[in-house]
Amino acid sequence: MTAPKLAPPGQGIPFLERFFMRRIILPRLRKNWTWEKADQVFARETGTIIGLVGDLTHQQREGRVLVPRLVGLEDSSRNWSVNMTLEHLMVVVKAMSDIIINLSQGKPFPHDVSIAAVKPKGILNENSVIVFGDVMKQAEDYLNKNVGNRHSPLTHPHPWFGPMDAEAWHILLAVHHGLHRRQIEKIVAGLV
C-alpha cells in the first residue's frame, strides 16, 4: 500500500482556522477558563487517551491510520499511528511546559517554536502507554512546582497564533491535548 500524499510538516493549518483560534477561541477560553480549569481539561484528556489506547496491542498502537483532517490538525499529521500521536504529545507537552514556566518567571523563552520539529520520530516501544502516562504526570508536577506569575505579560510567538503569554500557552496545552485525543479516537476506530 502506498503512502498518501500529504502536505509537508510545518505547512500549517488553513488561515481561517488560525484566525478563528487566535481571535475567537483562545480569547473566549481565557475569559471562561481558570488556570485550574485548563489543568482539569488536560488531566481529563490524558485519562481519556490512556483509556482509549491502554488495551491495544503494541502492533495496533504501531498501525498507521489515515484520518480525515480535523479542525486544527495539520495535513502532514493525518497518517499517524497511536504511538506517533503519543510521542508527539510528549514532545509538545515538554516544550510547552518550558515555555509556560519561562514566561511565568519573567524569562524570555530562548528558542523559536517549530511545528515541523515536534513531529514524531518513532521512538516508542511496547511500553508507550506507561511512558505517556508518566510523562504527562511529570509535566503536571513540573508545571505546578515551577510556574511563577500566571498573568505575566511576557509573550513568546506561536508560529500559527502569534505572541502568547503563559496563560494562553497553558490553555493551548489543554486544547492541543483534546485535538489529539479526537485524532486517537479516529485512529482507533480505523484499526477495527
N, C-alpha and C. Protein backbone atom coordinates (compact mmCIF):
# COMPACT_ATOMS: atom_id res chain seq x y z
N MET A 1 0.84 -1.18 0.00
CA MET A 1 0.00 0.00 0.00
C MET A 1 0.89 1.24 0.00
N THR A 2 0.62 2.18 -0.87
CA THR A 2 1.45 3.37 -0.97
C THR A 2 1.01 4.41 0.07
N ALA A 3 1.99 5.18 0.51
CA ALA A 3 1.71 6.23 1.49
C ALA A 3 0.90 7.34 0.83
N PRO A 4 -0.05 7.92 1.55
CA PRO A 4 -0.85 9.01 0.98
C PRO A 4 0.02 10.25 0.76
N LYS A 5 -0.36 11.05 -0.20
CA LYS A 5 0.35 12.30 -0.49
C LYS A 5 -0.24 13.38 0.42
N LEU A 6 0.57 13.82 1.39
CA LEU A 6 0.14 14.83 2.35
C LEU A 6 1.06 16.04 2.28
N ALA A 7 0.59 17.15 2.79
CA ALA A 7 1.41 18.37 2.83
C ALA A 7 2.63 18.12 3.73
N PRO A 8 3.71 18.85 3.50
CA PRO A 8 4.91 18.65 4.32
C PRO A 8 4.71 19.15 5.76
N PRO A 9 5.46 18.56 6.71
CA PRO A 9 5.37 19.03 8.10
C PRO A 9 5.69 20.53 8.20
N GLY A 10 4.92 21.22 9.02
CA GLY A 10 5.14 22.64 9.20
C GLY A 10 4.36 23.51 8.24
N GLN A 11 3.62 22.89 7.31
CA GLN A 11 2.83 23.64 6.32
C GLN A 11 1.77 24.50 6.99
N GLY A 12 1.26 24.01 8.11
CA GLY A 12 0.28 24.79 8.86
C GLY A 12 -1.15 24.35 8.64
N ILE A 13 -2.04 25.10 9.24
CA ILE A 13 -3.48 24.85 9.10
C ILE A 13 -4.05 26.02 8.30
N PRO A 14 -5.24 25.87 7.74
CA PRO A 14 -5.82 26.94 6.93
C PRO A 14 -5.94 28.27 7.69
N PHE A 15 -5.84 29.35 6.94
CA PHE A 15 -5.89 30.70 7.51
C PHE A 15 -7.10 30.91 8.41
N LEU A 16 -8.27 30.49 7.95
CA LEU A 16 -9.49 30.72 8.74
C LEU A 16 -9.43 30.01 10.09
N GLU A 17 -8.85 28.82 10.13
CA GLU A 17 -8.72 28.11 11.41
C GLU A 17 -7.75 28.85 12.33
N ARG A 18 -6.64 29.31 11.78
CA ARG A 18 -5.68 30.08 12.59
C ARG A 18 -6.34 31.35 13.12
N PHE A 19 -7.03 32.05 12.25
CA PHE A 19 -7.70 33.30 12.63
C PHE A 19 -8.75 33.04 13.72
N PHE A 20 -9.59 32.03 13.50
CA PHE A 20 -10.65 31.70 14.44
C PHE A 20 -10.08 31.33 15.81
N MET A 21 -9.00 30.54 15.80
CA MET A 21 -8.38 30.13 17.06
C MET A 21 -7.78 31.34 17.78
N ARG A 22 -7.07 32.16 17.04
CA ARG A 22 -6.37 33.30 17.65
C ARG A 22 -7.31 34.39 18.11
N ARG A 23 -8.34 34.68 17.33
CA ARG A 23 -9.20 35.83 17.61
C ARG A 23 -10.48 35.50 18.36
N ILE A 24 -10.90 34.23 18.31
CA ILE A 24 -12.18 33.89 18.94
C ILE A 24 -12.02 32.82 20.03
N ILE A 25 -11.47 31.66 19.68
CA ILE A 25 -11.42 30.55 20.63
C ILE A 25 -10.53 30.85 21.83
N LEU A 26 -9.25 31.19 21.58
CA LEU A 26 -8.35 31.45 22.71
C LEU A 26 -8.85 32.60 23.59
N PRO A 27 -9.29 33.75 23.03
CA PRO A 27 -9.81 34.81 23.91
C PRO A 27 -11.04 34.36 24.72
N ARG A 28 -11.91 33.57 24.09
CA ARG A 28 -13.10 33.10 24.81
C ARG A 28 -12.72 32.15 25.95
N LEU A 29 -11.77 31.25 25.66
CA LEU A 29 -11.33 30.33 26.71
C LEU A 29 -10.64 31.09 27.84
N ARG A 30 -9.84 32.10 27.50
CA ARG A 30 -9.17 32.90 28.54
C ARG A 30 -10.19 33.57 29.44
N LYS A 31 -11.29 33.97 28.86
CA LYS A 31 -12.34 34.65 29.64
C LYS A 31 -13.09 33.66 30.54
N ASN A 32 -13.29 32.43 30.05
CA ASN A 32 -14.15 31.48 30.75
C ASN A 32 -13.42 30.40 31.54
N TRP A 33 -12.15 30.19 31.26
CA TRP A 33 -11.40 29.14 31.96
C TRP A 33 -10.46 29.76 32.98
N THR A 34 -10.39 29.13 34.13
CA THR A 34 -9.34 29.45 35.09
C THR A 34 -8.13 28.59 34.75
N TRP A 35 -7.03 28.87 35.39
CA TRP A 35 -5.82 28.04 35.24
C TRP A 35 -6.15 26.60 35.66
N GLU A 36 -6.91 26.49 36.75
CA GLU A 36 -7.28 25.16 37.25
C GLU A 36 -8.18 24.41 36.27
N LYS A 37 -9.06 25.13 35.59
CA LYS A 37 -9.93 24.51 34.59
C LYS A 37 -9.08 23.93 33.46
N ALA A 38 -8.08 24.67 32.99
CA ALA A 38 -7.18 24.15 31.95
C ALA A 38 -6.44 22.91 32.45
N ASP A 39 -6.03 22.93 33.72
CA ASP A 39 -5.38 21.75 34.30
C ASP A 39 -6.33 20.55 34.30
N GLN A 40 -7.60 20.79 34.66
CA GLN A 40 -8.59 19.71 34.70
C GLN A 40 -8.84 19.14 33.31
N VAL A 41 -8.94 20.01 32.32
CA VAL A 41 -9.16 19.55 30.95
C VAL A 41 -7.96 18.71 30.49
N PHE A 42 -6.76 19.19 30.77
CA PHE A 42 -5.55 18.46 30.40
C PHE A 42 -5.55 17.07 31.05
N ALA A 43 -5.83 17.01 32.34
CA ALA A 43 -5.84 15.72 33.06
C ALA A 43 -6.93 14.80 32.54
N ARG A 44 -8.11 15.37 32.28
CA ARG A 44 -9.21 14.55 31.74
C ARG A 44 -8.86 13.98 30.38
N GLU A 45 -8.28 14.81 29.50
CA GLU A 45 -7.90 14.34 28.17
C GLU A 45 -6.81 13.27 28.27
N THR A 46 -5.86 13.45 29.18
CA THR A 46 -4.82 12.43 29.38
C THR A 46 -5.47 11.11 29.78
N GLY A 47 -6.38 11.16 30.74
CA GLY A 47 -7.05 9.94 31.19
C GLY A 47 -7.85 9.29 30.08
N THR A 48 -8.53 10.09 29.28
CA THR A 48 -9.32 9.56 28.16
C THR A 48 -8.40 8.89 27.15
N ILE A 49 -7.29 9.52 26.84
CA ILE A 49 -6.34 8.94 25.88
C ILE A 49 -5.83 7.60 26.38
N ILE A 50 -5.43 7.54 27.64
CA ILE A 50 -4.94 6.27 28.20
C ILE A 50 -6.03 5.21 28.15
N GLY A 51 -7.27 5.60 28.45
CA GLY A 51 -8.38 4.66 28.37
C GLY A 51 -8.62 4.15 26.96
N LEU A 52 -8.42 5.01 25.97
CA LEU A 52 -8.64 4.62 24.57
C LEU A 52 -7.59 3.63 24.07
N VAL A 53 -6.36 3.78 24.54
CA VAL A 53 -5.26 3.01 23.93
C VAL A 53 -4.65 1.97 24.85
N GLY A 54 -5.04 1.97 26.12
CA GLY A 54 -4.43 1.08 27.10
C GLY A 54 -4.55 -0.40 26.80
N ASP A 55 -5.65 -0.81 26.17
CA ASP A 55 -5.87 -2.23 25.89
C ASP A 55 -5.43 -2.64 24.49
N LEU A 56 -4.92 -1.69 23.70
CA LEU A 56 -4.43 -2.05 22.36
C LEU A 56 -3.12 -2.80 22.45
N THR A 57 -2.88 -3.68 21.51
CA THR A 57 -1.59 -4.36 21.44
C THR A 57 -0.54 -3.38 20.90
N HIS A 58 0.71 -3.73 21.10
CA HIS A 58 1.79 -2.90 20.54
C HIS A 58 1.63 -2.78 19.03
N GLN A 59 1.28 -3.88 18.39
CA GLN A 59 1.10 -3.87 16.94
C GLN A 59 -0.02 -2.92 16.54
N GLN A 60 -1.11 -2.92 17.28
CA GLN A 60 -2.21 -1.98 16.99
C GLN A 60 -1.77 -0.54 17.20
N ARG A 61 -1.02 -0.30 18.26
CA ARG A 61 -0.55 1.07 18.53
C ARG A 61 0.44 1.56 17.48
N GLU A 62 1.05 0.64 16.74
CA GLU A 62 2.01 0.99 15.70
C GLU A 62 1.35 1.18 14.33
N GLY A 63 0.11 0.73 14.19
CA GLY A 63 -0.57 0.79 12.89
C GLY A 63 -0.99 2.21 12.51
N ARG A 64 -0.52 2.66 11.38
CA ARG A 64 -0.90 3.99 10.89
C ARG A 64 -2.31 3.93 10.31
N VAL A 65 -3.07 5.00 10.58
CA VAL A 65 -4.42 5.12 10.03
C VAL A 65 -4.57 6.53 9.47
N LEU A 66 -4.97 6.62 8.22
CA LEU A 66 -5.23 7.93 7.60
C LEU A 66 -6.60 8.40 8.07
N VAL A 67 -6.60 9.51 8.81
CA VAL A 67 -7.85 10.04 9.33
C VAL A 67 -8.24 11.29 8.53
N PRO A 68 -9.52 11.63 8.51
CA PRO A 68 -9.91 12.89 7.87
C PRO A 68 -9.23 14.05 8.62
N ARG A 69 -8.98 15.14 7.93
CA ARG A 69 -8.34 16.26 8.61
C ARG A 69 -9.32 16.89 9.59
N LEU A 70 -8.92 16.92 10.83
CA LEU A 70 -9.71 17.55 11.88
C LEU A 70 -9.36 19.03 11.94
N VAL A 71 -10.29 19.84 12.38
CA VAL A 71 -10.01 21.27 12.55
C VAL A 71 -8.83 21.41 13.52
N GLY A 72 -7.80 22.12 13.07
CA GLY A 72 -6.62 22.34 13.90
C GLY A 72 -5.51 21.33 13.67
N LEU A 73 -5.78 20.28 12.90
CA LEU A 73 -4.78 19.24 12.65
C LEU A 73 -4.12 19.49 11.31
N GLU A 74 -2.81 19.59 11.34
CA GLU A 74 -2.05 19.80 10.12
C GLU A 74 -2.16 18.57 9.22
N ASP A 75 -2.22 18.79 7.92
CA ASP A 75 -2.39 17.70 6.96
C ASP A 75 -1.32 16.61 7.13
N SER A 76 -0.08 17.01 7.37
CA SER A 76 1.01 16.03 7.48
C SER A 76 0.85 15.10 8.68
N SER A 77 -0.03 15.43 9.60
CA SER A 77 -0.23 14.62 10.82
C SER A 77 -1.39 13.64 10.70
N ARG A 78 -2.01 13.57 9.55
CA ARG A 78 -3.23 12.75 9.40
C ARG A 78 -2.96 11.25 9.27
N ASN A 79 -1.75 10.86 8.95
CA ASN A 79 -1.46 9.44 8.73
C ASN A 79 -0.52 8.91 9.82
N TRP A 80 -0.95 9.05 11.04
CA TRP A 80 -0.13 8.64 12.19
C TRP A 80 -0.71 7.39 12.84
N SER A 81 0.14 6.76 13.62
CA SER A 81 -0.28 5.68 14.50
C SER A 81 -0.60 6.26 15.88
N VAL A 82 -1.16 5.43 16.74
CA VAL A 82 -1.38 5.84 18.13
C VAL A 82 -0.04 6.23 18.75
N ASN A 83 0.99 5.39 18.57
CA ASN A 83 2.29 5.68 19.18
C ASN A 83 2.90 6.97 18.65
N MET A 84 2.72 7.25 17.39
CA MET A 84 3.22 8.51 16.84
C MET A 84 2.52 9.69 17.51
N THR A 85 1.22 9.56 17.73
CA THR A 85 0.46 10.63 18.36
C THR A 85 0.87 10.80 19.82
N LEU A 86 1.06 9.69 20.53
CA LEU A 86 1.51 9.77 21.92
C LEU A 86 2.88 10.43 22.01
N GLU A 87 3.78 10.05 21.11
CA GLU A 87 5.12 10.65 21.10
C GLU A 87 5.03 12.15 20.85
N HIS A 88 4.23 12.54 19.87
CA HIS A 88 4.05 13.96 19.57
C HIS A 88 3.55 14.71 20.81
N LEU A 89 2.56 14.15 21.49
CA LEU A 89 2.03 14.80 22.69
C LEU A 89 3.10 14.96 23.76
N MET A 90 3.94 13.95 23.93
CA MET A 90 5.00 14.03 24.94
C MET A 90 6.01 15.13 24.60
N VAL A 91 6.39 15.21 23.34
CA VAL A 91 7.35 16.24 22.92
C VAL A 91 6.74 17.63 23.12
N VAL A 92 5.49 17.80 22.70
CA VAL A 92 4.84 19.10 22.79
C VAL A 92 4.62 19.51 24.25
N VAL A 93 4.21 18.57 25.09
CA VAL A 93 3.98 18.88 26.50
C VAL A 93 5.27 19.37 27.16
N LYS A 94 6.37 18.71 26.87
CA LYS A 94 7.65 19.15 27.44
C LYS A 94 8.00 20.55 26.95
N ALA A 95 7.86 20.79 25.66
CA ALA A 95 8.22 22.09 25.09
C ALA A 95 7.31 23.20 25.62
N MET A 96 6.00 22.96 25.61
CA MET A 96 5.07 23.99 26.09
C MET A 96 5.25 24.24 27.58
N SER A 97 5.54 23.22 28.35
CA SER A 97 5.78 23.41 29.78
C SER A 97 6.96 24.34 30.01
N ASP A 98 8.02 24.15 29.24
CA ASP A 98 9.19 25.03 29.37
C ASP A 98 8.84 26.47 29.00
N ILE A 99 8.06 26.64 27.95
CA ILE A 99 7.65 27.99 27.55
C ILE A 99 6.82 28.63 28.66
N ILE A 100 5.84 27.91 29.16
CA ILE A 100 4.95 28.43 30.20
C ILE A 100 5.75 28.84 31.44
N ILE A 101 6.65 27.98 31.86
CA ILE A 101 7.44 28.27 33.06
C ILE A 101 8.34 29.48 32.84
N ASN A 102 9.04 29.50 31.73
CA ASN A 102 9.91 30.66 31.45
C ASN A 102 9.12 31.96 31.49
N LEU A 103 8.02 32.01 30.74
CA LEU A 103 7.23 33.24 30.67
C LEU A 103 6.69 33.63 32.05
N SER A 104 6.21 32.64 32.80
CA SER A 104 5.63 32.92 34.13
C SER A 104 6.70 33.40 35.11
N GLN A 105 7.95 33.06 34.86
CA GLN A 105 9.05 33.51 35.72
C GLN A 105 9.71 34.78 35.18
N GLY A 106 9.10 35.37 34.16
CA GLY A 106 9.62 36.62 33.61
C GLY A 106 10.87 36.46 32.76
N LYS A 107 11.08 35.25 32.25
CA LYS A 107 12.25 34.98 31.41
C LYS A 107 11.81 34.73 29.98
N PRO A 108 12.43 35.39 29.01
CA PRO A 108 12.10 35.08 27.62
C PRO A 108 12.46 33.63 27.30
N PHE A 109 11.64 32.99 26.49
CA PHE A 109 11.97 31.63 26.05
C PHE A 109 12.97 31.75 24.91
N PRO A 110 14.12 31.06 25.00
CA PRO A 110 15.23 31.33 24.09
C PRO A 110 15.16 30.63 22.73
N HIS A 111 14.11 29.87 22.45
CA HIS A 111 14.06 29.11 21.20
C HIS A 111 12.82 29.46 20.39
N ASP A 112 12.96 29.40 19.07
CA ASP A 112 11.79 29.53 18.21
C ASP A 112 10.98 28.24 18.28
N VAL A 113 9.68 28.38 18.13
CA VAL A 113 8.81 27.21 18.10
C VAL A 113 8.70 26.76 16.65
N SER A 114 8.95 25.48 16.41
CA SER A 114 8.87 24.92 15.07
C SER A 114 7.88 23.76 15.07
N ILE A 115 6.85 23.88 14.28
CA ILE A 115 5.85 22.81 14.18
C ILE A 115 6.50 21.54 13.62
N ALA A 116 7.34 21.69 12.62
CA ALA A 116 8.00 20.54 12.00
C ALA A 116 8.89 19.80 12.99
N ALA A 117 9.45 20.52 13.97
CA ALA A 117 10.39 19.90 14.92
C ALA A 117 9.70 19.01 15.95
N VAL A 118 8.39 19.13 16.09
CA VAL A 118 7.70 18.33 17.11
C VAL A 118 6.94 17.14 16.51
N LYS A 119 7.26 16.81 15.28
CA LYS A 119 6.66 15.62 14.67
C LYS A 119 7.34 14.38 15.24
N PRO A 120 6.62 13.26 15.33
CA PRO A 120 7.19 12.05 15.93
C PRO A 120 8.32 11.45 15.09
N LYS A 121 9.24 10.82 15.81
CA LYS A 121 10.39 10.19 15.16
C LYS A 121 10.35 8.66 15.27
N GLY A 122 9.33 8.12 15.95
CA GLY A 122 9.19 6.67 16.05
C GLY A 122 10.02 6.05 17.15
N ILE A 123 10.07 6.68 18.32
CA ILE A 123 10.94 6.19 19.39
C ILE A 123 10.22 5.33 20.43
N LEU A 124 8.91 5.22 20.36
CA LEU A 124 8.18 4.49 21.39
C LEU A 124 8.18 2.99 21.14
N ASN A 125 8.11 2.25 22.23
CA ASN A 125 8.09 0.79 22.14
C ASN A 125 6.80 0.25 22.76
N GLU A 126 6.82 -1.01 23.17
CA GLU A 126 5.61 -1.64 23.71
C GLU A 126 5.16 -1.03 25.03
N ASN A 127 5.99 -0.23 25.68
CA ASN A 127 5.62 0.42 26.94
C ASN A 127 5.08 1.83 26.72
N SER A 128 4.65 2.14 25.52
CA SER A 128 4.30 3.52 25.17
C SER A 128 3.22 4.13 26.06
N VAL A 129 2.24 3.36 26.45
CA VAL A 129 1.14 3.92 27.25
C VAL A 129 1.64 4.26 28.65
N ILE A 130 2.47 3.40 29.22
CA ILE A 130 3.04 3.67 30.55
C ILE A 130 3.94 4.90 30.48
N VAL A 131 4.79 4.96 29.47
CA VAL A 131 5.69 6.10 29.30
C VAL A 131 4.88 7.39 29.13
N PHE A 132 3.84 7.34 28.31
CA PHE A 132 2.98 8.50 28.09
C PHE A 132 2.39 8.98 29.41
N GLY A 133 1.80 8.07 30.17
CA GLY A 133 1.21 8.44 31.46
C GLY A 133 2.22 9.06 32.40
N ASP A 134 3.42 8.48 32.45
CA ASP A 134 4.48 9.01 33.32
C ASP A 134 4.90 10.41 32.89
N VAL A 135 5.07 10.63 31.58
CA VAL A 135 5.48 11.94 31.08
C VAL A 135 4.41 12.99 31.37
N MET A 136 3.14 12.63 31.22
CA MET A 136 2.07 13.59 31.50
C MET A 136 2.04 13.96 32.98
N LYS A 137 2.23 12.98 33.85
CA LYS A 137 2.26 13.24 35.29
C LYS A 137 3.46 14.11 35.65
N GLN A 138 4.62 13.82 35.07
CA GLN A 138 5.81 14.63 35.32
C GLN A 138 5.59 16.07 34.86
N ALA A 139 4.93 16.24 33.72
CA ALA A 139 4.67 17.59 33.20
C ALA A 139 3.74 18.36 34.14
N GLU A 140 2.70 17.70 34.63
CA GLU A 140 1.80 18.34 35.58
C GLU A 140 2.55 18.78 36.84
N ASP A 141 3.38 17.88 37.37
CA ASP A 141 4.16 18.19 38.57
C ASP A 141 5.15 19.32 38.32
N TYR A 142 5.81 19.27 37.18
CA TYR A 142 6.79 20.28 36.79
C TYR A 142 6.14 21.66 36.71
N LEU A 143 4.98 21.73 36.08
CA LEU A 143 4.26 22.99 35.98
C LEU A 143 3.82 23.48 37.36
N ASN A 144 3.19 22.61 38.13
CA ASN A 144 2.69 23.01 39.45
C ASN A 144 3.81 23.51 40.36
N LYS A 145 4.97 22.91 40.24
CA LYS A 145 6.10 23.26 41.11
C LYS A 145 6.82 24.52 40.67
N ASN A 146 6.83 24.83 39.37
CA ASN A 146 7.71 25.87 38.85
C ASN A 146 7.04 27.10 38.26
N VAL A 147 5.73 27.06 38.06
CA VAL A 147 5.06 28.23 37.48
C VAL A 147 5.13 29.38 38.47
N GLY A 148 5.46 30.55 37.94
CA GLY A 148 5.53 31.76 38.75
C GLY A 148 4.25 32.56 38.60
N ASN A 149 4.36 33.72 37.99
CA ASN A 149 3.22 34.62 37.78
C ASN A 149 2.41 34.13 36.59
N ARG A 150 1.25 33.59 36.86
CA ARG A 150 0.39 33.06 35.79
C ARG A 150 -0.07 34.16 34.84
N HIS A 151 -0.04 35.39 35.29
CA HIS A 151 -0.52 36.52 34.49
C HIS A 151 0.62 37.39 33.98
N SER A 152 1.81 36.83 33.92
CA SER A 152 2.96 37.58 33.41
C SER A 152 2.66 38.08 32.00
N PRO A 153 2.98 39.33 31.69
CA PRO A 153 2.70 39.87 30.36
C PRO A 153 3.70 39.42 29.28
N LEU A 154 4.77 38.76 29.69
CA LEU A 154 5.79 38.33 28.74
C LEU A 154 5.18 37.33 27.75
N THR A 155 5.53 37.44 26.48
CA THR A 155 4.97 36.55 25.46
C THR A 155 6.07 35.84 24.68
N HIS A 156 5.65 34.78 24.01
CA HIS A 156 6.50 34.07 23.06
C HIS A 156 5.62 33.68 21.88
N PRO A 157 6.11 33.87 20.64
CA PRO A 157 5.24 33.63 19.49
C PRO A 157 5.02 32.15 19.16
N HIS A 158 3.78 31.84 18.90
CA HIS A 158 3.42 30.54 18.32
C HIS A 158 3.42 30.76 16.80
N PRO A 159 3.93 29.81 16.02
CA PRO A 159 4.01 30.03 14.57
C PRO A 159 2.66 30.28 13.89
N TRP A 160 1.57 29.77 14.45
CA TRP A 160 0.26 29.95 13.84
C TRP A 160 -0.56 31.03 14.52
N PHE A 161 -0.37 31.22 15.82
CA PHE A 161 -1.27 32.07 16.59
C PHE A 161 -0.63 33.36 17.10
N GLY A 162 0.63 33.58 16.79
CA GLY A 162 1.30 34.81 17.17
C GLY A 162 1.73 34.83 18.63
N PRO A 163 2.04 36.03 19.15
CA PRO A 163 2.54 36.16 20.53
C PRO A 163 1.49 35.70 21.55
N MET A 164 1.93 34.87 22.48
CA MET A 164 1.03 34.36 23.52
C MET A 164 1.76 34.41 24.86
N ASP A 165 1.03 34.75 25.92
CA ASP A 165 1.60 34.76 27.25
C ASP A 165 1.46 33.37 27.89
N ALA A 166 1.94 33.23 29.12
CA ALA A 166 1.92 31.93 29.80
C ALA A 166 0.51 31.36 29.90
N GLU A 167 -0.44 32.21 30.21
CA GLU A 167 -1.82 31.76 30.36
C GLU A 167 -2.37 31.21 29.03
N ALA A 168 -2.11 31.90 27.94
CA ALA A 168 -2.57 31.43 26.63
C ALA A 168 -1.89 30.12 26.24
N TRP A 169 -0.58 30.01 26.50
CA TRP A 169 0.12 28.75 26.21
C TRP A 169 -0.45 27.61 27.05
N HIS A 170 -0.80 27.91 28.30
CA HIS A 170 -1.35 26.89 29.20
C HIS A 170 -2.71 26.39 28.69
N ILE A 171 -3.54 27.32 28.23
CA ILE A 171 -4.83 26.93 27.66
C ILE A 171 -4.61 26.12 26.38
N LEU A 172 -3.69 26.58 25.55
CA LEU A 172 -3.40 25.87 24.30
C LEU A 172 -2.94 24.45 24.57
N LEU A 173 -2.21 24.24 25.65
CA LEU A 173 -1.75 22.89 26.01
C LEU A 173 -2.95 21.96 26.19
N ALA A 174 -3.98 22.42 26.89
CA ALA A 174 -5.17 21.59 27.09
C ALA A 174 -5.95 21.40 25.79
N VAL A 175 -6.07 22.45 25.00
CA VAL A 175 -6.78 22.37 23.72
C VAL A 175 -6.06 21.41 22.78
N HIS A 176 -4.74 21.49 22.74
CA HIS A 176 -3.93 20.62 21.89
C HIS A 176 -4.13 19.16 22.28
N HIS A 177 -4.19 18.90 23.57
CA HIS A 177 -4.44 17.54 24.06
C HIS A 177 -5.79 17.02 23.55
N GLY A 178 -6.81 17.89 23.59
CA GLY A 178 -8.14 17.50 23.12
C GLY A 178 -8.16 17.20 21.64
N LEU A 179 -7.45 18.00 20.86
CA LEU A 179 -7.36 17.76 19.41
C LEU A 179 -6.79 16.38 19.13
N HIS A 180 -5.70 16.04 19.79
CA HIS A 180 -5.07 14.75 19.52
C HIS A 180 -5.81 13.57 20.17
N ARG A 181 -6.60 13.84 21.21
CA ARG A 181 -7.49 12.79 21.71
C ARG A 181 -8.52 12.45 20.63
N ARG A 182 -9.05 13.48 19.95
CA ARG A 182 -10.01 13.21 18.86
C ARG A 182 -9.32 12.46 17.72
N GLN A 183 -8.09 12.81 17.44
CA GLN A 183 -7.34 12.08 16.41
C GLN A 183 -7.16 10.62 16.80
N ILE A 184 -6.81 10.37 18.05
CA ILE A 184 -6.63 9.00 18.52
C ILE A 184 -7.94 8.22 18.42
N GLU A 185 -9.06 8.86 18.75
CA GLU A 185 -10.36 8.18 18.59
C GLU A 185 -10.55 7.72 17.15
N LYS A 186 -10.20 8.60 16.19
CA LYS A 186 -10.34 8.24 14.77
C LYS A 186 -9.37 7.12 14.39
N ILE A 187 -8.14 7.19 14.91
CA ILE A 187 -7.17 6.13 14.61
C ILE A 187 -7.66 4.80 15.14
N VAL A 188 -8.10 4.77 16.39
CA VAL A 188 -8.58 3.53 17.00
C VAL A 188 -9.77 2.99 16.22
N ALA A 189 -10.69 3.86 15.83
CA ALA A 189 -11.85 3.41 15.03
C ALA A 189 -11.41 2.82 13.71
N GLY A 190 -10.33 3.34 13.15
CA GLY A 190 -9.83 2.83 11.87
C GLY A 190 -9.05 1.54 11.96
N LEU A 191 -8.71 1.13 13.18
CA LEU A 191 -7.95 -0.11 13.36
C LEU A 191 -8.85 -1.33 13.26
N VAL A 192 -10.15 -1.17 13.49
CA VAL A 192 -11.05 -2.32 13.52
C VAL A 192 -11.42 -2.80 12.13
